[in-house]
N, C-alpha and C. Protein backbone atom coordinates (compact mmCIF):
# COMPACT_ATOMS: atom_id res chain seq x y z
N MET A 1 116.67 68.99 100.63
CA MET A 1 116.30 70.35 100.23
C MET A 1 116.64 71.29 101.38
N GLY A 2 117.54 72.25 101.11
CA GLY A 2 118.14 73.05 102.16
C GLY A 2 117.21 73.86 103.02
N THR A 3 116.17 74.48 102.45
CA THR A 3 115.29 75.32 103.26
C THR A 3 114.11 74.55 103.83
N VAL A 4 113.95 73.31 103.43
CA VAL A 4 112.79 72.53 103.83
C VAL A 4 113.04 71.76 105.11
N SER A 5 112.09 71.85 106.04
CA SER A 5 112.08 70.99 107.21
C SER A 5 111.25 69.76 106.87
N ALA A 6 111.90 68.60 106.85
CA ALA A 6 111.19 67.36 106.50
C ALA A 6 110.05 67.08 107.46
N ALA A 7 110.26 67.39 108.73
CA ALA A 7 109.22 67.16 109.73
C ALA A 7 107.99 68.04 109.47
N GLU A 8 108.23 69.31 109.10
CA GLU A 8 107.12 70.22 108.82
C GLU A 8 106.39 69.79 107.55
N ALA A 9 107.14 69.39 106.53
CA ALA A 9 106.50 68.93 105.29
C ALA A 9 105.63 67.71 105.54
N ALA A 10 106.11 66.79 106.35
CA ALA A 10 105.33 65.59 106.67
C ALA A 10 104.08 65.94 107.46
N LYS A 11 104.23 66.89 108.38
CA LYS A 11 103.09 67.31 109.21
C LYS A 11 101.94 67.82 108.35
N PHE A 12 102.26 68.70 107.40
CA PHE A 12 101.21 69.29 106.57
C PHE A 12 100.76 68.33 105.47
N GLY A 13 101.63 67.44 105.04
CA GLY A 13 101.22 66.44 104.08
C GLY A 13 100.13 65.54 104.64
N ALA A 14 100.16 65.33 105.95
CA ALA A 14 99.15 64.48 106.59
C ALA A 14 97.76 65.08 106.52
N PHE A 15 97.66 66.41 106.31
CA PHE A 15 96.36 67.07 106.21
C PHE A 15 95.84 67.14 104.78
N ALA A 16 96.61 66.66 103.81
CA ALA A 16 96.35 66.94 102.40
C ALA A 16 94.95 66.54 101.95
N GLU A 17 94.50 65.38 102.36
CA GLU A 17 93.21 64.89 101.88
C GLU A 17 92.05 65.76 102.35
N ARG A 18 92.24 66.49 103.45
CA ARG A 18 91.15 67.32 103.96
C ARG A 18 91.44 68.81 103.80
N TRP A 19 92.47 69.14 103.02
CA TRP A 19 92.88 70.54 102.88
C TRP A 19 91.76 71.42 102.35
N TRP A 20 90.97 70.87 101.43
CA TRP A 20 89.91 71.66 100.80
C TRP A 20 88.58 71.58 101.54
N ASP A 21 88.55 70.91 102.67
CA ASP A 21 87.35 70.87 103.49
C ASP A 21 87.28 72.16 104.31
N PRO A 22 86.31 73.05 104.06
CA PRO A 22 86.26 74.33 104.76
C PRO A 22 86.04 74.20 106.27
N GLU A 23 85.62 73.03 106.71
CA GLU A 23 85.44 72.80 108.15
C GLU A 23 86.49 71.83 108.69
N GLY A 24 87.50 71.53 107.88
CA GLY A 24 88.55 70.59 108.28
C GLY A 24 89.71 71.27 108.97
N PRO A 25 90.87 70.62 109.01
CA PRO A 25 92.02 71.16 109.75
C PRO A 25 92.56 72.46 109.18
N MET A 26 92.25 72.78 107.92
CA MET A 26 92.70 74.04 107.32
C MET A 26 91.61 75.11 107.35
N ARG A 27 90.63 74.94 108.23
CA ARG A 27 89.52 75.90 108.31
C ARG A 27 89.99 77.34 108.48
N PRO A 28 90.96 77.65 109.35
CA PRO A 28 91.39 79.05 109.47
C PRO A 28 91.96 79.61 108.18
N LEU A 29 92.66 78.79 107.39
CA LEU A 29 93.21 79.27 106.13
C LEU A 29 92.10 79.57 105.13
N HIS A 30 91.06 78.75 105.11
CA HIS A 30 89.92 79.01 104.23
C HIS A 30 89.31 80.37 104.54
N ARG A 31 89.18 80.67 105.83
CA ARG A 31 88.54 81.93 106.22
C ARG A 31 89.49 83.12 106.05
N MET A 32 90.77 82.89 106.18
CA MET A 32 91.77 83.95 106.03
C MET A 32 92.07 84.25 104.56
N ASN A 33 91.88 83.27 103.68
CA ASN A 33 92.37 83.39 102.31
C ASN A 33 91.84 84.59 101.54
N PRO A 34 90.54 84.92 101.62
CA PRO A 34 90.07 86.10 100.88
C PRO A 34 90.79 87.39 101.31
N LEU A 35 91.09 87.53 102.59
CA LEU A 35 91.78 88.73 103.06
C LEU A 35 93.20 88.78 102.52
N ARG A 36 93.96 87.70 102.67
CA ARG A 36 95.36 87.75 102.28
C ARG A 36 95.52 87.85 100.77
N THR A 37 94.72 87.11 99.98
CA THR A 37 94.84 87.21 98.53
C THR A 37 94.31 88.55 98.02
N GLY A 38 93.27 89.07 98.67
CA GLY A 38 92.74 90.37 98.28
C GLY A 38 93.73 91.49 98.56
N TRP A 39 94.40 91.41 99.71
CA TRP A 39 95.41 92.42 100.07
C TRP A 39 96.55 92.42 99.06
N ILE A 40 96.98 91.24 98.67
CA ILE A 40 98.03 91.12 97.67
C ILE A 40 97.55 91.67 96.33
N ALA A 41 96.33 91.33 95.94
CA ALA A 41 95.80 91.78 94.65
C ALA A 41 95.76 93.30 94.58
N GLU A 42 95.39 93.96 95.66
CA GLU A 42 95.34 95.42 95.68
C GLU A 42 96.73 96.02 95.44
N ARG A 43 97.75 95.42 96.03
CA ARG A 43 99.11 95.95 95.89
C ARG A 43 99.74 95.60 94.55
N VAL A 44 99.33 94.50 93.99
CA VAL A 44 99.77 94.18 92.63
C VAL A 44 99.20 95.22 91.66
N ALA A 45 97.93 95.55 91.82
CA ALA A 45 97.30 96.56 90.96
C ALA A 45 97.94 97.92 91.17
N ALA A 46 98.24 98.27 92.43
CA ALA A 46 98.86 99.56 92.72
C ALA A 46 100.25 99.68 92.11
N ALA A 47 100.91 98.54 91.91
CA ALA A 47 102.24 98.53 91.28
C ALA A 47 102.16 98.64 89.77
N GLY A 48 100.94 98.70 89.24
CA GLY A 48 100.76 98.81 87.80
C GLY A 48 100.92 97.50 87.06
N LEU A 49 100.80 96.39 87.77
CA LEU A 49 100.95 95.07 87.15
C LEU A 49 99.57 94.53 86.77
N ALA A 50 99.44 94.05 85.55
CA ALA A 50 98.18 93.47 85.10
C ALA A 50 98.12 92.00 85.49
N TRP A 51 96.96 91.54 85.95
CA TRP A 51 96.83 90.15 86.36
C TRP A 51 96.87 89.19 85.18
N ALA A 52 96.36 89.63 84.05
CA ALA A 52 96.34 88.75 82.87
C ALA A 52 97.77 88.43 82.44
N GLY A 53 98.14 87.18 82.58
CA GLY A 53 99.48 86.75 82.19
C GLY A 53 100.57 87.01 83.20
N LEU A 54 100.22 87.59 84.33
CA LEU A 54 101.21 87.84 85.38
C LEU A 54 101.87 86.53 85.80
N ARG A 55 103.20 86.50 85.84
CA ARG A 55 103.91 85.29 86.25
C ARG A 55 104.04 85.31 87.77
N LEU A 56 103.35 84.39 88.44
CA LEU A 56 103.29 84.36 89.89
C LEU A 56 103.74 83.00 90.41
N LEU A 57 104.56 83.02 91.44
CA LEU A 57 105.01 81.80 92.11
C LEU A 57 104.47 81.76 93.52
N ASP A 58 103.79 80.67 93.87
CA ASP A 58 103.29 80.45 95.22
C ASP A 58 104.19 79.40 95.88
N VAL A 59 104.95 79.83 96.87
CA VAL A 59 105.92 78.96 97.55
C VAL A 59 105.30 78.40 98.82
N GLY A 60 105.37 77.07 98.98
CA GLY A 60 104.71 76.44 100.12
C GLY A 60 103.21 76.48 99.95
N CYS A 61 102.75 76.09 98.77
CA CYS A 61 101.36 76.29 98.36
C CYS A 61 100.37 75.37 99.05
N GLY A 62 100.85 74.30 99.71
CA GLY A 62 99.91 73.34 100.27
C GLY A 62 99.07 72.73 99.16
N ALA A 63 97.78 72.63 99.39
CA ALA A 63 96.89 72.05 98.38
C ALA A 63 96.28 73.10 97.47
N GLY A 64 96.78 74.35 97.54
CA GLY A 64 96.44 75.32 96.51
C GLY A 64 95.38 76.35 96.78
N LEU A 65 95.08 76.65 98.05
CA LEU A 65 94.04 77.65 98.34
C LEU A 65 94.36 78.99 97.70
N ALA A 66 95.55 79.52 97.94
CA ALA A 66 95.93 80.81 97.37
C ALA A 66 96.22 80.70 95.88
N ALA A 67 96.89 79.62 95.48
CA ALA A 67 97.25 79.45 94.07
C ALA A 67 96.01 79.51 93.18
N GLU A 68 94.94 78.86 93.60
CA GLU A 68 93.72 78.88 92.79
C GLU A 68 93.11 80.27 92.75
N ALA A 69 93.15 80.98 93.87
CA ALA A 69 92.60 82.34 93.90
C ALA A 69 93.35 83.24 92.92
N PHE A 70 94.66 83.11 92.87
CA PHE A 70 95.46 83.92 91.95
C PHE A 70 95.23 83.50 90.50
N ALA A 71 95.10 82.21 90.26
CA ALA A 71 94.84 81.73 88.90
C ALA A 71 93.50 82.25 88.38
N ARG A 72 92.52 82.31 89.26
CA ARG A 72 91.20 82.80 88.86
C ARG A 72 91.24 84.30 88.52
N ARG A 73 92.23 85.01 89.01
CA ARG A 73 92.40 86.42 88.65
C ARG A 73 93.09 86.59 87.30
N GLY A 74 93.58 85.50 86.73
CA GLY A 74 94.20 85.56 85.42
C GLY A 74 95.69 85.38 85.40
N ALA A 75 96.31 85.17 86.56
CA ALA A 75 97.76 84.99 86.61
C ALA A 75 98.17 83.64 86.06
N SER A 76 99.39 83.58 85.54
CA SER A 76 100.02 82.32 85.16
C SER A 76 100.76 81.83 86.39
N VAL A 77 100.20 80.82 87.05
CA VAL A 77 100.66 80.44 88.39
C VAL A 77 101.50 79.17 88.35
N THR A 78 102.68 79.27 88.96
CA THR A 78 103.48 78.11 89.32
C THR A 78 103.41 78.00 90.83
N ALA A 79 103.20 76.81 91.36
CA ALA A 79 103.04 76.64 92.81
C ALA A 79 103.86 75.43 93.25
N ILE A 80 104.63 75.61 94.31
CA ILE A 80 105.53 74.55 94.76
C ILE A 80 105.31 74.25 96.23
N ASP A 81 105.58 72.99 96.59
CA ASP A 81 105.51 72.57 97.98
C ASP A 81 106.42 71.36 98.14
N ALA A 82 106.93 71.16 99.34
CA ALA A 82 107.80 70.01 99.62
C ALA A 82 107.02 68.74 99.85
N SER A 83 105.70 68.86 100.07
CA SER A 83 104.88 67.69 100.36
C SER A 83 104.28 67.12 99.09
N ALA A 84 104.62 65.87 98.77
CA ALA A 84 104.04 65.21 97.60
C ALA A 84 102.54 65.02 97.77
N GLU A 85 102.11 64.77 99.01
CA GLU A 85 100.68 64.57 99.27
C GLU A 85 99.89 65.86 99.01
N ALA A 86 100.43 66.98 99.46
CA ALA A 86 99.75 68.26 99.25
C ALA A 86 99.68 68.60 97.76
N ILE A 87 100.77 68.38 97.04
CA ILE A 87 100.78 68.68 95.61
C ILE A 87 99.79 67.78 94.86
N ALA A 88 99.69 66.53 95.25
CA ALA A 88 98.72 65.63 94.61
C ALA A 88 97.30 66.14 94.83
N ALA A 89 96.99 66.57 96.05
CA ALA A 89 95.66 67.12 96.34
C ALA A 89 95.43 68.41 95.56
N ALA A 90 96.46 69.24 95.44
CA ALA A 90 96.34 70.49 94.70
C ALA A 90 96.06 70.24 93.23
N ARG A 91 96.80 69.31 92.64
CA ARG A 91 96.60 69.00 91.22
C ARG A 91 95.18 68.49 90.95
N LEU A 92 94.71 67.60 91.81
CA LEU A 92 93.38 67.04 91.63
C LEU A 92 92.31 68.12 91.71
N HIS A 93 92.43 68.99 92.72
CA HIS A 93 91.42 70.03 92.89
C HIS A 93 91.43 71.02 91.73
N ALA A 94 92.62 71.37 91.23
CA ALA A 94 92.72 72.30 90.10
C ALA A 94 92.11 71.68 88.85
N GLU A 95 92.37 70.40 88.63
CA GLU A 95 91.80 69.71 87.46
C GLU A 95 90.28 69.70 87.54
N GLN A 96 89.76 69.44 88.72
CA GLN A 96 88.31 69.41 88.90
C GLN A 96 87.69 70.78 88.66
N GLY A 97 88.46 71.83 88.94
CA GLY A 97 87.97 73.19 88.75
C GLY A 97 88.33 73.79 87.40
N GLY A 98 89.00 73.02 86.54
CA GLY A 98 89.35 73.51 85.22
C GLY A 98 90.42 74.58 85.23
N LEU A 99 91.32 74.55 86.22
CA LEU A 99 92.38 75.54 86.33
C LEU A 99 93.72 74.94 85.91
N ALA A 100 94.47 75.68 85.11
CA ALA A 100 95.79 75.24 84.67
C ALA A 100 96.86 75.88 85.56
N ILE A 101 97.28 75.17 86.58
CA ILE A 101 98.31 75.64 87.51
C ILE A 101 99.48 74.65 87.43
N ASP A 102 100.68 75.19 87.34
CA ASP A 102 101.88 74.36 87.25
C ASP A 102 102.34 74.01 88.66
N TYR A 103 101.88 72.87 89.17
CA TYR A 103 102.25 72.42 90.51
C TYR A 103 103.50 71.55 90.46
N ARG A 104 104.42 71.81 91.37
CA ARG A 104 105.66 71.04 91.41
C ARG A 104 106.05 70.70 92.85
N ILE A 105 106.62 69.53 93.05
CA ILE A 105 107.21 69.17 94.34
C ILE A 105 108.63 69.73 94.31
N ALA A 106 108.86 70.80 95.03
CA ALA A 106 110.16 71.48 94.95
C ALA A 106 110.31 72.45 96.11
N ALA A 107 111.55 72.86 96.34
CA ALA A 107 111.89 73.95 97.25
C ALA A 107 112.22 75.17 96.40
N PRO A 108 112.13 76.38 96.96
CA PRO A 108 112.39 77.57 96.13
C PRO A 108 113.79 77.61 95.57
N GLU A 109 114.77 77.07 96.30
CA GLU A 109 116.14 77.09 95.79
C GLU A 109 116.29 76.21 94.55
N ASP A 110 115.42 75.21 94.40
CA ASP A 110 115.46 74.37 93.20
C ASP A 110 115.12 75.19 91.96
N LEU A 111 114.06 75.98 92.04
CA LEU A 111 113.67 76.82 90.90
C LEU A 111 114.67 77.94 90.67
N ALA A 112 115.22 78.48 91.76
CA ALA A 112 116.23 79.53 91.61
C ALA A 112 117.45 79.01 90.86
N ALA A 113 117.82 77.76 91.15
CA ALA A 113 118.97 77.16 90.46
C ALA A 113 118.71 76.97 88.98
N GLU A 114 117.44 76.86 88.61
CA GLU A 114 117.07 76.73 87.19
C GLU A 114 117.05 78.07 86.48
N GLY A 115 117.16 79.16 87.25
CA GLY A 115 117.11 80.49 86.66
C GLY A 115 115.70 81.02 86.45
N ALA A 116 114.71 80.42 87.11
CA ALA A 116 113.32 80.86 86.96
C ALA A 116 113.16 82.26 87.56
N ARG A 117 112.30 83.09 86.95
CA ARG A 117 112.02 84.44 87.44
C ARG A 117 110.52 84.71 87.32
N PHE A 118 110.01 85.45 88.30
CA PHE A 118 108.57 85.73 88.35
C PHE A 118 108.33 87.20 88.65
N ASP A 119 107.16 87.68 88.24
CA ASP A 119 106.76 89.06 88.55
C ASP A 119 106.40 89.20 90.02
N VAL A 120 105.76 88.18 90.56
CA VAL A 120 105.30 88.17 91.94
C VAL A 120 105.62 86.82 92.56
N VAL A 121 106.16 86.85 93.79
CA VAL A 121 106.43 85.63 94.55
C VAL A 121 105.70 85.76 95.89
N VAL A 122 104.93 84.76 96.25
CA VAL A 122 104.22 84.78 97.53
C VAL A 122 104.61 83.56 98.35
N ALA A 123 104.67 83.76 99.66
CA ALA A 123 104.93 82.66 100.61
C ALA A 123 104.05 82.93 101.83
N LEU A 124 102.91 82.27 101.88
CA LEU A 124 101.89 82.57 102.88
C LEU A 124 101.85 81.49 103.96
N GLU A 125 102.05 81.93 105.21
CA GLU A 125 102.12 81.00 106.35
C GLU A 125 103.16 79.91 106.10
N VAL A 126 104.33 80.32 105.65
CA VAL A 126 105.38 79.37 105.32
C VAL A 126 106.67 79.63 106.11
N ILE A 127 107.08 80.89 106.22
CA ILE A 127 108.42 81.16 106.74
C ILE A 127 108.60 80.67 108.17
N GLU A 128 107.53 80.57 108.93
CA GLU A 128 107.66 80.07 110.30
C GLU A 128 107.91 78.56 110.34
N HIS A 129 107.87 77.91 109.18
CA HIS A 129 108.08 76.46 109.12
C HIS A 129 109.36 76.04 108.39
N VAL A 130 110.16 77.00 107.90
CA VAL A 130 111.32 76.63 107.10
C VAL A 130 112.53 76.31 107.98
N ALA A 131 113.48 75.59 107.39
CA ALA A 131 114.67 75.17 108.12
C ALA A 131 115.73 76.27 108.19
N ASP A 132 115.78 77.15 107.19
CA ASP A 132 116.81 78.19 107.13
C ASP A 132 116.15 79.46 106.59
N ARG A 133 115.83 80.38 107.47
CA ARG A 133 115.06 81.58 107.10
C ARG A 133 115.83 82.44 106.10
N ASP A 134 117.08 82.72 106.34
CA ASP A 134 117.85 83.58 105.44
C ASP A 134 118.00 82.95 104.06
N ALA A 135 118.27 81.65 104.01
CA ALA A 135 118.40 80.98 102.72
C ALA A 135 117.06 80.98 101.97
N PHE A 136 115.98 80.84 102.72
CA PHE A 136 114.65 80.86 102.12
C PHE A 136 114.37 82.21 101.47
N LEU A 137 114.64 83.30 102.19
CA LEU A 137 114.39 84.63 101.65
C LEU A 137 115.33 84.95 100.49
N ALA A 138 116.56 84.47 100.57
CA ALA A 138 117.49 84.66 99.45
C ALA A 138 116.97 83.98 98.19
N ALA A 139 116.37 82.81 98.36
CA ALA A 139 115.80 82.10 97.21
C ALA A 139 114.61 82.86 96.64
N LEU A 140 113.75 83.40 97.52
CA LEU A 140 112.61 84.18 97.04
C LEU A 140 113.08 85.38 96.25
N ALA A 141 114.12 86.07 96.75
CA ALA A 141 114.65 87.23 96.05
C ALA A 141 115.20 86.84 94.68
N ALA A 142 115.92 85.72 94.64
CA ALA A 142 116.50 85.26 93.37
C ALA A 142 115.43 84.92 92.35
N LEU A 143 114.26 84.52 92.84
CA LEU A 143 113.16 84.13 91.95
C LEU A 143 112.33 85.31 91.47
N THR A 144 112.58 86.49 92.00
CA THR A 144 111.80 87.69 91.68
C THR A 144 112.56 88.55 90.68
N ARG A 145 111.90 88.94 89.62
CA ARG A 145 112.55 89.81 88.63
C ARG A 145 112.80 91.18 89.25
N PRO A 146 113.78 91.93 88.75
CA PRO A 146 113.99 93.30 89.25
C PRO A 146 112.71 94.12 89.13
N GLY A 147 112.35 94.79 90.21
CA GLY A 147 111.11 95.55 90.25
C GLY A 147 109.90 94.73 90.63
N GLY A 148 110.06 93.41 90.76
CA GLY A 148 108.96 92.54 91.12
C GLY A 148 108.62 92.63 92.60
N ARG A 149 107.57 91.94 92.99
CA ARG A 149 107.07 92.01 94.37
C ARG A 149 107.14 90.65 95.06
N VAL A 150 107.42 90.70 96.35
CA VAL A 150 107.40 89.51 97.20
C VAL A 150 106.41 89.78 98.33
N PHE A 151 105.54 88.82 98.59
CA PHE A 151 104.55 88.95 99.65
C PHE A 151 104.66 87.77 100.61
N LEU A 152 104.62 88.06 101.90
CA LEU A 152 104.63 87.01 102.90
C LEU A 152 103.54 87.28 103.93
N SER A 153 103.00 86.21 104.49
CA SER A 153 102.16 86.33 105.69
C SER A 153 102.70 85.34 106.70
N THR A 154 102.65 85.74 107.96
CA THR A 154 103.23 84.89 109.00
C THR A 154 102.69 85.30 110.36
N LEU A 155 103.32 84.79 111.41
CA LEU A 155 102.89 85.04 112.79
C LEU A 155 103.99 85.74 113.56
N ASN A 156 103.60 86.78 114.28
CA ASN A 156 104.53 87.52 115.13
C ASN A 156 104.85 86.70 116.39
N ARG A 157 106.06 86.87 116.89
CA ARG A 157 106.47 86.15 118.11
C ARG A 157 106.28 87.08 119.32
N THR A 158 105.08 87.04 119.85
CA THR A 158 104.72 87.87 121.00
C THR A 158 103.99 87.01 122.02
N ALA A 159 103.85 87.55 123.21
CA ALA A 159 103.07 86.84 124.24
C ALA A 159 101.63 86.67 123.77
N ARG A 160 101.12 87.67 123.06
CA ARG A 160 99.74 87.60 122.57
C ARG A 160 99.57 86.50 121.53
N SER A 161 100.56 86.36 120.64
CA SER A 161 100.46 85.30 119.63
C SER A 161 100.57 83.92 120.27
N PHE A 162 101.36 83.81 121.34
CA PHE A 162 101.45 82.53 122.04
C PHE A 162 100.09 82.15 122.64
N LEU A 163 99.43 83.14 123.23
CA LEU A 163 98.14 82.88 123.85
C LEU A 163 97.04 82.60 122.82
N LEU A 164 97.02 83.40 121.73
CA LEU A 164 95.93 83.29 120.76
C LEU A 164 96.20 82.26 119.67
N ALA A 165 97.38 82.33 119.03
CA ALA A 165 97.65 81.49 117.87
C ALA A 165 98.14 80.10 118.23
N LYS A 166 98.73 79.98 119.41
CA LYS A 166 99.22 78.67 119.83
C LYS A 166 98.25 78.02 120.82
N LEU A 167 98.17 78.55 122.02
CA LEU A 167 97.30 77.94 123.03
C LEU A 167 95.83 78.03 122.65
N GLY A 168 95.40 79.23 122.22
CA GLY A 168 93.99 79.42 121.90
C GLY A 168 93.55 78.63 120.69
N ALA A 169 94.26 78.79 119.57
CA ALA A 169 93.83 78.17 118.32
C ALA A 169 93.98 76.66 118.32
N GLU A 170 95.03 76.15 118.99
CA GLU A 170 95.29 74.71 118.94
C GLU A 170 94.68 73.94 120.11
N TYR A 171 94.70 74.52 121.31
CA TYR A 171 94.30 73.77 122.49
C TYR A 171 92.90 74.13 123.01
N LEU A 172 92.53 75.42 122.93
CA LEU A 172 91.25 75.83 123.49
C LEU A 172 90.13 75.80 122.46
N LEU A 173 90.31 76.50 121.34
CA LEU A 173 89.26 76.57 120.32
C LEU A 173 89.32 75.43 119.32
N ARG A 174 90.44 74.72 119.28
CA ARG A 174 90.63 73.60 118.35
C ARG A 174 90.41 74.03 116.91
N LEU A 175 90.87 75.24 116.57
CA LEU A 175 90.79 75.72 115.20
C LEU A 175 91.84 75.06 114.32
N LEU A 176 92.95 74.64 114.92
CA LEU A 176 94.05 73.98 114.22
C LEU A 176 94.44 72.71 114.97
N PRO A 177 94.97 71.72 114.27
CA PRO A 177 95.46 70.52 114.97
C PRO A 177 96.58 70.89 115.94
N VAL A 178 96.60 70.25 117.09
CA VAL A 178 97.66 70.49 118.07
C VAL A 178 99.01 70.17 117.44
N GLY A 179 99.96 71.07 117.61
CA GLY A 179 101.29 70.88 117.04
C GLY A 179 101.49 71.55 115.69
N THR A 180 100.46 72.25 115.20
CA THR A 180 100.59 72.92 113.90
C THR A 180 101.73 73.92 113.92
N HIS A 181 101.84 74.68 115.01
CA HIS A 181 102.86 75.73 115.08
C HIS A 181 103.83 75.51 116.23
N ASP A 182 105.04 75.99 116.03
CA ASP A 182 106.04 76.09 117.08
C ASP A 182 106.28 77.59 117.29
N TRP A 183 105.83 78.11 118.42
CA TRP A 183 105.91 79.55 118.68
C TRP A 183 107.33 80.08 118.54
N ARG A 184 108.32 79.25 118.81
CA ARG A 184 109.71 79.69 118.71
C ARG A 184 110.10 80.01 117.26
N GLY A 185 109.37 79.48 116.30
CA GLY A 185 109.63 79.75 114.89
C GLY A 185 108.93 80.99 114.36
N PHE A 186 108.06 81.61 115.18
CA PHE A 186 107.40 82.83 114.75
C PHE A 186 108.45 83.94 114.60
N VAL A 187 108.15 84.92 113.75
CA VAL A 187 109.14 85.95 113.42
C VAL A 187 108.50 87.34 113.57
N THR A 188 109.20 88.24 114.24
CA THR A 188 108.66 89.58 114.43
C THR A 188 108.78 90.36 113.12
N PRO A 189 107.95 91.39 112.92
CA PRO A 189 108.06 92.21 111.72
C PRO A 189 109.45 92.85 111.56
N ALA A 190 110.05 93.27 112.67
CA ALA A 190 111.39 93.87 112.60
C ALA A 190 112.43 92.85 112.16
N GLU A 191 112.34 91.64 112.69
CA GLU A 191 113.27 90.58 112.27
C GLU A 191 113.10 90.25 110.80
N LEU A 192 111.84 90.17 110.38
CA LEU A 192 111.58 89.82 108.98
C LEU A 192 112.04 90.93 108.05
N ALA A 193 111.83 92.18 108.44
CA ALA A 193 112.28 93.30 107.61
C ALA A 193 113.79 93.29 107.44
N ARG A 194 114.52 93.03 108.53
CA ARG A 194 115.97 92.97 108.44
C ARG A 194 116.43 91.82 107.55
N ALA A 195 115.78 90.68 107.68
CA ALA A 195 116.14 89.52 106.87
C ALA A 195 115.84 89.77 105.39
N LEU A 196 114.73 90.45 105.11
CA LEU A 196 114.40 90.78 103.73
C LEU A 196 115.45 91.73 103.14
N ARG A 197 115.88 92.71 103.93
CA ARG A 197 116.91 93.63 103.44
C ARG A 197 118.20 92.89 103.14
N ARG A 198 118.57 91.94 103.99
CA ARG A 198 119.77 91.16 103.73
C ARG A 198 119.67 90.39 102.41
N ALA A 199 118.45 90.03 102.05
CA ALA A 199 118.22 89.28 100.81
C ALA A 199 118.11 90.19 99.59
N GLY A 200 118.16 91.50 99.81
CA GLY A 200 118.05 92.44 98.70
C GLY A 200 116.64 92.87 98.39
N LEU A 201 115.74 92.76 99.38
CA LEU A 201 114.35 93.13 99.21
C LEU A 201 113.99 94.26 100.17
N ALA A 202 113.29 95.27 99.67
CA ALA A 202 112.91 96.43 100.48
C ALA A 202 111.44 96.34 100.87
N VAL A 203 111.15 96.41 102.16
CA VAL A 203 109.77 96.37 102.64
C VAL A 203 109.05 97.64 102.21
N ILE A 204 107.87 97.48 101.62
CA ILE A 204 107.12 98.65 101.17
C ILE A 204 105.73 98.75 101.82
N ASP A 205 105.27 97.71 102.48
CA ASP A 205 103.94 97.78 103.10
C ASP A 205 103.79 96.62 104.08
N SER A 206 102.88 96.79 105.03
CA SER A 206 102.55 95.71 105.97
C SER A 206 101.16 95.98 106.53
N ALA A 207 100.56 94.93 107.07
CA ALA A 207 99.23 95.06 107.68
C ALA A 207 99.01 93.89 108.61
N GLY A 208 98.18 94.11 109.61
CA GLY A 208 97.79 93.04 110.50
C GLY A 208 96.57 92.30 109.96
N MET A 209 96.43 91.06 110.38
CA MET A 209 95.23 90.28 110.08
C MET A 209 94.62 89.86 111.42
N THR A 210 93.38 90.28 111.64
CA THR A 210 92.73 90.06 112.93
C THR A 210 91.48 89.21 112.75
N MET A 211 91.36 88.18 113.57
CA MET A 211 90.21 87.29 113.51
C MET A 211 89.21 87.60 114.60
N ASP A 212 87.95 87.62 114.25
CA ASP A 212 86.87 87.74 115.23
C ASP A 212 86.65 86.36 115.83
N PRO A 213 86.93 86.15 117.12
CA PRO A 213 86.82 84.81 117.69
C PRO A 213 85.39 84.27 117.72
N LEU A 214 84.40 85.14 117.61
CA LEU A 214 83.01 84.69 117.64
C LEU A 214 82.53 84.22 116.27
N THR A 215 82.97 84.91 115.21
CA THR A 215 82.50 84.56 113.87
C THR A 215 83.53 83.83 113.03
N GLY A 216 84.81 83.97 113.40
CA GLY A 216 85.88 83.39 112.61
C GLY A 216 86.24 84.22 111.40
N ALA A 217 85.60 85.39 111.23
CA ALA A 217 85.88 86.25 110.09
C ALA A 217 87.19 87.02 110.31
N TRP A 218 87.91 87.27 109.21
CA TRP A 218 89.19 87.98 109.27
C TRP A 218 89.05 89.34 108.63
N ARG A 219 89.78 90.32 109.18
CA ARG A 219 89.80 91.67 108.62
C ARG A 219 91.20 92.24 108.72
N GLU A 220 91.48 93.19 107.83
CA GLU A 220 92.77 93.90 107.88
C GLU A 220 92.76 94.87 109.05
N SER A 221 93.89 95.00 109.72
CA SER A 221 93.98 95.92 110.85
C SER A 221 95.40 96.48 110.96
N ARG A 222 95.59 97.38 111.89
CA ARG A 222 96.92 97.91 112.18
C ARG A 222 97.64 97.08 113.23
N ASP A 223 96.98 96.08 113.74
CA ASP A 223 97.53 95.25 114.82
C ASP A 223 98.34 94.10 114.23
N LEU A 224 99.66 94.21 114.31
CA LEU A 224 100.56 93.18 113.79
C LEU A 224 101.03 92.22 114.88
N SER A 225 100.38 92.22 116.03
CA SER A 225 100.90 91.46 117.16
C SER A 225 100.69 89.95 117.04
N VAL A 226 99.81 89.51 116.14
CA VAL A 226 99.59 88.06 115.97
C VAL A 226 99.87 87.70 114.50
N ASN A 227 98.89 87.83 113.63
CA ASN A 227 99.08 87.53 112.20
C ASN A 227 99.34 88.82 111.43
N TYR A 228 100.24 88.75 110.46
CA TYR A 228 100.48 89.94 109.65
C TYR A 228 100.93 89.58 108.23
N LEU A 229 100.77 90.56 107.34
CA LEU A 229 101.20 90.49 105.95
C LEU A 229 102.31 91.49 105.72
N ILE A 230 103.20 91.19 104.80
CA ILE A 230 104.28 92.12 104.49
C ILE A 230 104.56 92.05 102.99
N ALA A 231 104.81 93.21 102.40
CA ALA A 231 105.10 93.32 100.98
C ALA A 231 106.50 93.91 100.81
N ALA A 232 107.24 93.39 99.85
CA ALA A 232 108.60 93.87 99.59
C ALA A 232 108.82 93.97 98.09
N ARG A 233 109.79 94.78 97.73
CA ARG A 233 110.12 95.01 96.32
C ARG A 233 111.58 94.63 96.08
N ARG A 234 111.82 93.96 94.98
CA ARG A 234 113.20 93.70 94.61
C ARG A 234 113.72 94.87 93.78
N GLY A 235 114.87 95.40 94.16
CA GLY A 235 115.45 96.55 93.46
C GLY A 235 115.98 96.18 92.09
């Protein structure tokens, strides 16, 4: 699979059984999820898109934290991941919760080759782990209908993100397993905006995500120096 890093897929597949444990290795994602899905929901509504029946694709879904949140809003959700272990955990959790989510072991280029199209495509905490960034964004664009929206969240490549998201989160606070991130794979907002434009997507909004180190709570901010969200529109 061209955009997939086998090593990254294996790394996250190893966490699959504990993905839904709010105090497990995905604890930061559990705490971040309401902010990132809520931010996306606000912009979907502002675009005049109704959640009921909205065709949404979650790329790099892991065990389904965001996919389930979107399904509960009424969207028709397809969710893909390269890890068979993560998809198995996602399917089990959705079944237990009575949610009908179409989970598939796939890369985005696989669905693009099938001619699939969606109203909204999301890729949350994924682009810093892919093998080919431009090919990945081109696939996301191909999967988005004209006028549709693409949403990404990722990590900025700054000295501050190295200290907080890499050294702090993995080595000092132990919020994430050591080796979760490679700082060299982080992408600046300017780099991501240029890459999105090359893929035929126009950036329309962005926001920072800031964590309170004492409580672990996340809030939207203007500070994009560590974690950030970005929204784009396909022309």
